[in-house]
Amino acid sequence: MGKLPKNRPIERVEIELMSSFFAEILKKDKEENALSSEALELLSTMLCERASAVIKKPGDGLILLEIGSQYITKKFIGKAQYPNFILELLSEGLVYSKADLIEITDEGEKLISELVQITETYRKRK
């Protein structure tokens, strides 16, 4: 019904699949402002887990995002505070940060909810 499941935890593979599908929808909708699949994966995970992301840097070239019961590990080489996919979300106003904590905004929740609705409509028509 165009809603994320509430009755069971969403598995990592499901979140990655949803994120890549959402990225494709955004690319088709508005080419210039399309978000990367990594950005959408972070946003989707935060919404599914109903939790903030805690950023940890366990070693050189590595970043760990702890979101509820989910963990996302990405390569991160650079001097910036955050990797590019987090900067994308910050610049679009979809998340905000407090030091090592990233939280989803109402706009971020709205975007993912709209993408879930579009996905459900697409599946019904197909």
N, C-alpha and C. Protein backbone atom coordinates (compact mmCIF):
# COMPACT_ATOMS: atom_id res chain seq x y z
N MET A 1 0.83 -1.20 0.00
CA MET A 1 0.00 0.00 0.00
C MET A 1 0.86 1.26 0.00
N GLY A 2 2.07 1.15 -0.52
CA GLY A 2 2.93 2.32 -0.60
C GLY A 2 3.52 2.73 0.72
N LYS A 3 3.63 1.78 1.67
CA LYS A 3 4.21 2.09 2.98
C LYS A 3 5.32 1.09 3.26
N LEU A 4 6.29 1.53 4.04
CA LEU A 4 7.35 0.62 4.45
C LEU A 4 6.79 -0.34 5.50
N PRO A 5 7.24 -1.60 5.48
CA PRO A 5 6.72 -2.58 6.43
C PRO A 5 7.05 -2.22 7.86
N LYS A 6 6.09 -2.43 8.76
CA LYS A 6 6.30 -2.14 10.18
C LYS A 6 6.39 -3.42 11.01
N ASN A 7 5.91 -4.54 10.46
CA ASN A 7 5.79 -5.74 11.26
C ASN A 7 7.09 -6.52 11.44
N ARG A 8 8.11 -6.23 10.65
CA ARG A 8 9.38 -6.92 10.81
C ARG A 8 10.51 -6.00 10.40
N PRO A 9 11.72 -6.25 10.92
CA PRO A 9 12.85 -5.41 10.52
C PRO A 9 13.17 -5.63 9.04
N ILE A 10 13.55 -4.56 8.39
CA ILE A 10 13.92 -4.66 6.98
C ILE A 10 15.38 -5.08 6.91
N GLU A 11 15.66 -6.05 6.06
CA GLU A 11 17.02 -6.56 5.93
C GLU A 11 17.87 -5.62 5.09
N ARG A 12 19.17 -5.69 5.28
CA ARG A 12 20.13 -4.84 4.58
C ARG A 12 19.96 -4.94 3.06
N VAL A 13 19.78 -6.14 2.54
CA VAL A 13 19.63 -6.34 1.10
C VAL A 13 18.39 -5.62 0.58
N GLU A 14 17.31 -5.68 1.34
CA GLU A 14 16.08 -5.00 0.94
C GLU A 14 16.26 -3.49 0.88
N ILE A 15 16.97 -2.94 1.86
CA ILE A 15 17.21 -1.50 1.89
C ILE A 15 18.07 -1.09 0.70
N GLU A 16 19.09 -1.86 0.38
CA GLU A 16 19.95 -1.54 -0.76
C GLU A 16 19.15 -1.61 -2.06
N LEU A 17 18.29 -2.59 -2.20
CA LEU A 17 17.45 -2.71 -3.40
C LEU A 17 16.49 -1.54 -3.52
N MET A 18 15.84 -1.17 -2.42
CA MET A 18 14.93 -0.02 -2.44
C MET A 18 15.68 1.25 -2.82
N SER A 19 16.85 1.44 -2.24
CA SER A 19 17.63 2.66 -2.48
C SER A 19 18.02 2.80 -3.94
N SER A 20 18.47 1.69 -4.54
CA SER A 20 18.86 1.78 -5.95
C SER A 20 17.64 2.03 -6.83
N PHE A 21 16.50 1.46 -6.48
CA PHE A 21 15.28 1.70 -7.24
C PHE A 21 14.83 3.16 -7.10
N PHE A 22 14.90 3.70 -5.87
CA PHE A 22 14.55 5.10 -5.64
C PHE A 22 15.47 6.03 -6.43
N ALA A 23 16.77 5.69 -6.50
CA ALA A 23 17.72 6.51 -7.24
C ALA A 23 17.36 6.55 -8.72
N GLU A 24 16.94 5.41 -9.26
CA GLU A 24 16.53 5.36 -10.68
C GLU A 24 15.29 6.22 -10.92
N ILE A 25 14.34 6.19 -10.01
CA ILE A 25 13.13 7.00 -10.14
C ILE A 25 13.50 8.48 -10.15
N LEU A 26 14.37 8.88 -9.23
CA LEU A 26 14.77 10.30 -9.15
C LEU A 26 15.52 10.73 -10.40
N LYS A 27 16.37 9.86 -10.94
CA LYS A 27 17.11 10.19 -12.15
C LYS A 27 16.16 10.45 -13.31
N LYS A 28 15.11 9.66 -13.40
CA LYS A 28 14.14 9.83 -14.48
C LYS A 28 13.30 11.08 -14.28
N ASP A 29 13.00 11.40 -13.03
CA ASP A 29 12.16 12.56 -12.71
C ASP A 29 12.87 13.89 -12.95
N LYS A 30 14.02 14.05 -12.32
CA LYS A 30 14.73 15.32 -12.42
C LYS A 30 16.23 15.05 -12.45
N GLU A 31 16.74 15.03 -13.63
CA GLU A 31 18.14 14.65 -13.87
C GLU A 31 19.14 15.49 -13.09
N GLU A 32 18.91 16.80 -12.98
CA GLU A 32 19.90 17.68 -12.38
C GLU A 32 20.02 17.53 -10.87
N ASN A 33 18.99 17.11 -10.17
CA ASN A 33 19.03 17.02 -8.71
C ASN A 33 18.95 15.59 -8.19
N ALA A 34 19.27 14.62 -9.03
CA ALA A 34 19.17 13.23 -8.62
C ALA A 34 20.19 12.94 -7.52
N LEU A 35 19.75 12.22 -6.51
CA LEU A 35 20.63 11.82 -5.41
C LEU A 35 21.30 10.50 -5.75
N SER A 36 22.47 10.29 -5.19
CA SER A 36 23.17 9.03 -5.41
C SER A 36 22.47 7.91 -4.65
N SER A 37 22.72 6.68 -5.08
CA SER A 37 22.10 5.55 -4.39
C SER A 37 22.63 5.44 -2.96
N GLU A 38 23.88 5.85 -2.72
CA GLU A 38 24.42 5.83 -1.36
C GLU A 38 23.66 6.80 -0.45
N ALA A 39 23.34 7.99 -0.98
CA ALA A 39 22.58 8.97 -0.21
C ALA A 39 21.19 8.44 0.10
N LEU A 40 20.56 7.83 -0.89
CA LEU A 40 19.22 7.28 -0.68
C LEU A 40 19.24 6.07 0.25
N GLU A 41 20.31 5.30 0.20
CA GLU A 41 20.45 4.16 1.11
C GLU A 41 20.49 4.65 2.55
N LEU A 42 21.26 5.70 2.80
CA LEU A 42 21.35 6.26 4.14
C LEU A 42 19.99 6.80 4.59
N LEU A 43 19.34 7.56 3.72
CA LEU A 43 18.04 8.15 4.04
C LEU A 43 17.00 7.06 4.30
N SER A 44 16.95 6.05 3.44
CA SER A 44 15.99 4.94 3.59
C SER A 44 16.23 4.17 4.89
N THR A 45 17.50 3.91 5.18
CA THR A 45 17.84 3.16 6.40
C THR A 45 17.42 3.93 7.64
N MET A 46 17.69 5.24 7.63
CA MET A 46 17.30 6.06 8.79
C MET A 46 15.79 6.05 8.98
N LEU A 47 15.05 6.12 7.89
CA LEU A 47 13.59 6.13 7.99
C LEU A 47 13.07 4.75 8.42
N CYS A 48 13.60 3.69 7.83
CA CYS A 48 13.15 2.34 8.18
C CYS A 48 13.46 2.00 9.63
N GLU A 49 14.62 2.40 10.09
CA GLU A 49 15.02 2.10 11.46
C GLU A 49 14.45 3.10 12.46
N ARG A 50 13.92 4.21 11.95
CA ARG A 50 13.45 5.30 12.82
C ARG A 50 14.53 5.69 13.82
N ALA A 51 15.75 5.86 13.27
CA ALA A 51 16.90 6.17 14.12
C ALA A 51 17.84 7.13 13.40
N SER A 52 18.61 7.85 14.18
CA SER A 52 19.65 8.73 13.64
C SER A 52 20.86 7.89 13.24
N ALA A 53 21.70 8.45 12.42
CA ALA A 53 22.94 7.78 12.03
C ALA A 53 24.08 8.33 12.88
N VAL A 54 24.83 7.43 13.47
CA VAL A 54 26.01 7.82 14.24
C VAL A 54 27.22 7.50 13.37
N ILE A 55 28.05 8.52 13.14
CA ILE A 55 29.22 8.37 12.28
C ILE A 55 30.43 8.03 13.12
N LYS A 56 31.12 6.97 12.70
CA LYS A 56 32.36 6.58 13.36
C LYS A 56 33.43 6.40 12.28
N LYS A 57 34.63 6.77 12.61
CA LYS A 57 35.75 6.60 11.69
C LYS A 57 36.75 5.66 12.34
N PRO A 58 36.56 4.33 12.11
CA PRO A 58 37.40 3.34 12.79
C PRO A 58 38.85 3.31 12.30
N GLY A 59 39.11 3.83 11.12
CA GLY A 59 40.48 3.82 10.60
C GLY A 59 40.59 4.69 9.37
N ASP A 60 41.80 4.81 8.88
CA ASP A 60 42.02 5.62 7.68
C ASP A 60 41.27 5.03 6.49
N GLY A 61 40.59 5.89 5.77
CA GLY A 61 39.89 5.47 4.56
C GLY A 61 38.62 4.70 4.80
N LEU A 62 38.05 4.76 5.99
CA LEU A 62 36.86 3.99 6.30
C LEU A 62 35.92 4.80 7.18
N ILE A 63 34.63 4.67 6.90
CA ILE A 63 33.61 5.32 7.73
C ILE A 63 32.54 4.28 8.05
N LEU A 64 32.06 4.30 9.28
CA LEU A 64 31.02 3.36 9.73
C LEU A 64 29.82 4.19 10.17
N LEU A 65 28.66 3.87 9.62
CA LEU A 65 27.42 4.53 10.01
C LEU A 65 26.58 3.52 10.77
N GLU A 66 26.28 3.83 12.02
CA GLU A 66 25.45 2.97 12.86
C GLU A 66 24.06 3.58 12.92
N ILE A 67 23.07 2.83 12.39
CA ILE A 67 21.70 3.33 12.33
C ILE A 67 20.79 2.26 12.93
N GLY A 68 20.38 2.45 14.16
CA GLY A 68 19.56 1.44 14.82
C GLY A 68 20.30 0.12 14.86
N SER A 69 19.72 -0.91 14.26
CA SER A 69 20.36 -2.23 14.22
C SER A 69 21.15 -2.46 12.94
N GLN A 70 21.23 -1.44 12.08
CA GLN A 70 21.93 -1.56 10.79
C GLN A 70 23.30 -0.87 10.85
N TYR A 71 24.24 -1.41 10.10
CA TYR A 71 25.58 -0.82 9.99
C TYR A 71 25.93 -0.68 8.52
N ILE A 72 26.39 0.50 8.14
CA ILE A 72 26.82 0.75 6.77
C ILE A 72 28.29 1.14 6.83
N THR A 73 29.11 0.42 6.08
CA THR A 73 30.53 0.71 6.02
C THR A 73 30.85 1.20 4.61
N LYS A 74 31.54 2.32 4.51
CA LYS A 74 31.91 2.90 3.22
C LYS A 74 33.37 3.33 3.26
N LYS A 75 33.99 3.34 2.09
CA LYS A 75 35.34 3.90 1.98
C LYS A 75 35.21 5.42 2.03
N PHE A 76 36.12 6.04 2.74
CA PHE A 76 36.09 7.50 2.86
C PHE A 76 37.51 8.01 2.98
N ILE A 77 37.98 8.60 1.90
CA ILE A 77 39.31 9.19 1.89
C ILE A 77 39.12 10.67 1.59
N GLY A 78 39.57 11.49 2.47
CA GLY A 78 39.43 12.93 2.26
C GLY A 78 39.56 13.67 3.57
N LYS A 79 39.61 14.96 3.45
CA LYS A 79 39.77 15.80 4.63
C LYS A 79 38.46 16.43 5.08
N ALA A 80 37.40 16.22 4.32
CA ALA A 80 36.09 16.77 4.69
C ALA A 80 35.56 16.05 5.93
N GLN A 81 34.63 16.70 6.60
CA GLN A 81 34.04 16.09 7.79
C GLN A 81 33.17 14.89 7.42
N TYR A 82 32.47 14.99 6.28
CA TYR A 82 31.55 13.94 5.86
C TYR A 82 31.85 13.52 4.42
N PRO A 83 31.49 12.28 4.07
CA PRO A 83 31.64 11.85 2.68
C PRO A 83 30.63 12.56 1.77
N ASN A 84 30.84 12.48 0.47
CA ASN A 84 30.00 13.19 -0.51
C ASN A 84 28.52 12.87 -0.41
N PHE A 85 28.16 11.60 -0.17
CA PHE A 85 26.74 11.25 -0.14
C PHE A 85 26.03 11.91 1.04
N ILE A 86 26.73 12.13 2.15
CA ILE A 86 26.13 12.85 3.28
C ILE A 86 26.03 14.34 2.96
N LEU A 87 27.06 14.87 2.30
CA LEU A 87 27.03 16.28 1.88
C LEU A 87 25.88 16.55 0.92
N GLU A 88 25.58 15.58 0.04
CA GLU A 88 24.42 15.70 -0.87
C GLU A 88 23.14 15.92 -0.07
N LEU A 89 22.95 15.08 0.93
CA LEU A 89 21.73 15.14 1.74
C LEU A 89 21.67 16.43 2.55
N LEU A 90 22.80 16.86 3.08
CA LEU A 90 22.85 18.11 3.84
C LEU A 90 22.52 19.30 2.94
N SER A 91 23.08 19.32 1.73
CA SER A 91 22.85 20.45 0.83
C SER A 91 21.41 20.53 0.34
N GLU A 92 20.74 19.39 0.28
CA GLU A 92 19.33 19.37 -0.14
C GLU A 92 18.38 19.59 1.04
N GLY A 93 18.92 19.65 2.25
CA GLY A 93 18.09 19.85 3.44
C GLY A 93 17.31 18.61 3.85
N LEU A 94 17.78 17.43 3.43
CA LEU A 94 17.08 16.18 3.75
C LEU A 94 17.53 15.60 5.09
N VAL A 95 18.70 16.02 5.55
CA VAL A 95 19.21 15.64 6.87
C VAL A 95 19.87 16.85 7.50
N TYR A 96 20.11 16.77 8.80
CA TYR A 96 20.93 17.79 9.45
C TYR A 96 21.89 17.07 10.39
N SER A 97 22.96 17.76 10.75
CA SER A 97 24.00 17.10 11.54
C SER A 97 24.26 17.84 12.85
N LYS A 98 24.67 17.04 13.82
CA LYS A 98 25.13 17.53 15.12
C LYS A 98 26.39 16.74 15.43
N ALA A 99 27.53 17.29 15.06
CA ALA A 99 28.83 16.64 15.23
C ALA A 99 28.85 15.28 14.52
N ASP A 100 28.84 14.17 15.27
CA ASP A 100 28.91 12.85 14.64
C ASP A 100 27.53 12.19 14.52
N LEU A 101 26.47 12.97 14.62
CA LEU A 101 25.10 12.47 14.54
C LEU A 101 24.38 13.09 13.34
N ILE A 102 23.77 12.27 12.50
CA ILE A 102 23.00 12.74 11.35
C ILE A 102 21.54 12.37 11.60
N GLU A 103 20.65 13.35 11.46
CA GLU A 103 19.22 13.11 11.66
C GLU A 103 18.44 13.49 10.42
N ILE A 104 17.40 12.75 10.15
CA ILE A 104 16.55 13.00 8.98
C ILE A 104 15.60 14.16 9.27
N THR A 105 15.36 14.99 8.24
CA THR A 105 14.43 16.10 8.39
C THR A 105 13.05 15.68 7.88
N ASP A 106 12.07 16.54 8.09
CA ASP A 106 10.73 16.26 7.56
C ASP A 106 10.76 16.15 6.04
N GLU A 107 11.60 16.98 5.40
CA GLU A 107 11.72 16.93 3.94
C GLU A 107 12.28 15.58 3.48
N GLY A 108 13.23 15.04 4.25
CA GLY A 108 13.80 13.73 3.93
C GLY A 108 12.77 12.63 4.05
N GLU A 109 11.98 12.68 5.12
CA GLU A 109 10.91 11.68 5.30
C GLU A 109 9.88 11.79 4.18
N LYS A 110 9.56 13.02 3.81
CA LYS A 110 8.57 13.25 2.75
C LYS A 110 9.07 12.69 1.42
N LEU A 111 10.35 12.91 1.11
CA LEU A 111 10.91 12.41 -0.15
C LEU A 111 10.81 10.89 -0.23
N ILE A 112 11.23 10.20 0.82
CA ILE A 112 11.19 8.73 0.82
C ILE A 112 9.74 8.25 0.75
N SER A 113 8.83 8.90 1.46
CA SER A 113 7.41 8.51 1.41
C SER A 113 6.85 8.67 0.01
N GLU A 114 7.22 9.76 -0.67
CA GLU A 114 6.77 9.97 -2.05
C GLU A 114 7.32 8.89 -2.97
N LEU A 115 8.60 8.54 -2.78
CA LEU A 115 9.21 7.51 -3.62
C LEU A 115 8.55 6.15 -3.39
N VAL A 116 8.17 5.86 -2.14
CA VAL A 116 7.47 4.61 -1.85
C VAL A 116 6.12 4.61 -2.55
N GLN A 117 5.42 5.74 -2.54
CA GLN A 117 4.11 5.85 -3.22
C GLN A 117 4.27 5.65 -4.72
N ILE A 118 5.29 6.28 -5.32
CA ILE A 118 5.53 6.14 -6.76
C ILE A 118 5.84 4.69 -7.10
N THR A 119 6.66 4.04 -6.27
CA THR A 119 7.03 2.65 -6.49
C THR A 119 5.81 1.75 -6.46
N GLU A 120 4.93 1.96 -5.49
CA GLU A 120 3.72 1.14 -5.39
C GLU A 120 2.82 1.37 -6.59
N THR A 121 2.66 2.62 -7.02
CA THR A 121 1.84 2.91 -8.19
C THR A 121 2.42 2.24 -9.43
N TYR A 122 3.74 2.29 -9.58
CA TYR A 122 4.41 1.66 -10.71
C TYR A 122 4.17 0.15 -10.70
N ARG A 123 4.31 -0.47 -9.54
CA ARG A 123 4.11 -1.92 -9.44
C ARG A 123 2.69 -2.30 -9.78
N LYS A 124 1.71 -1.52 -9.35
CA LYS A 124 0.31 -1.83 -9.62
C LYS A 124 0.02 -1.75 -11.10
N ARG A 125 0.58 -0.74 -11.78
CA ARG A 125 0.34 -0.58 -13.22
C ARG A 125 1.03 -1.66 -14.03
N LYS A 126 2.21 -2.06 -13.60
CA LYS A 126 2.97 -3.07 -14.33
C LYS A 126 2.30 -4.42 -14.16
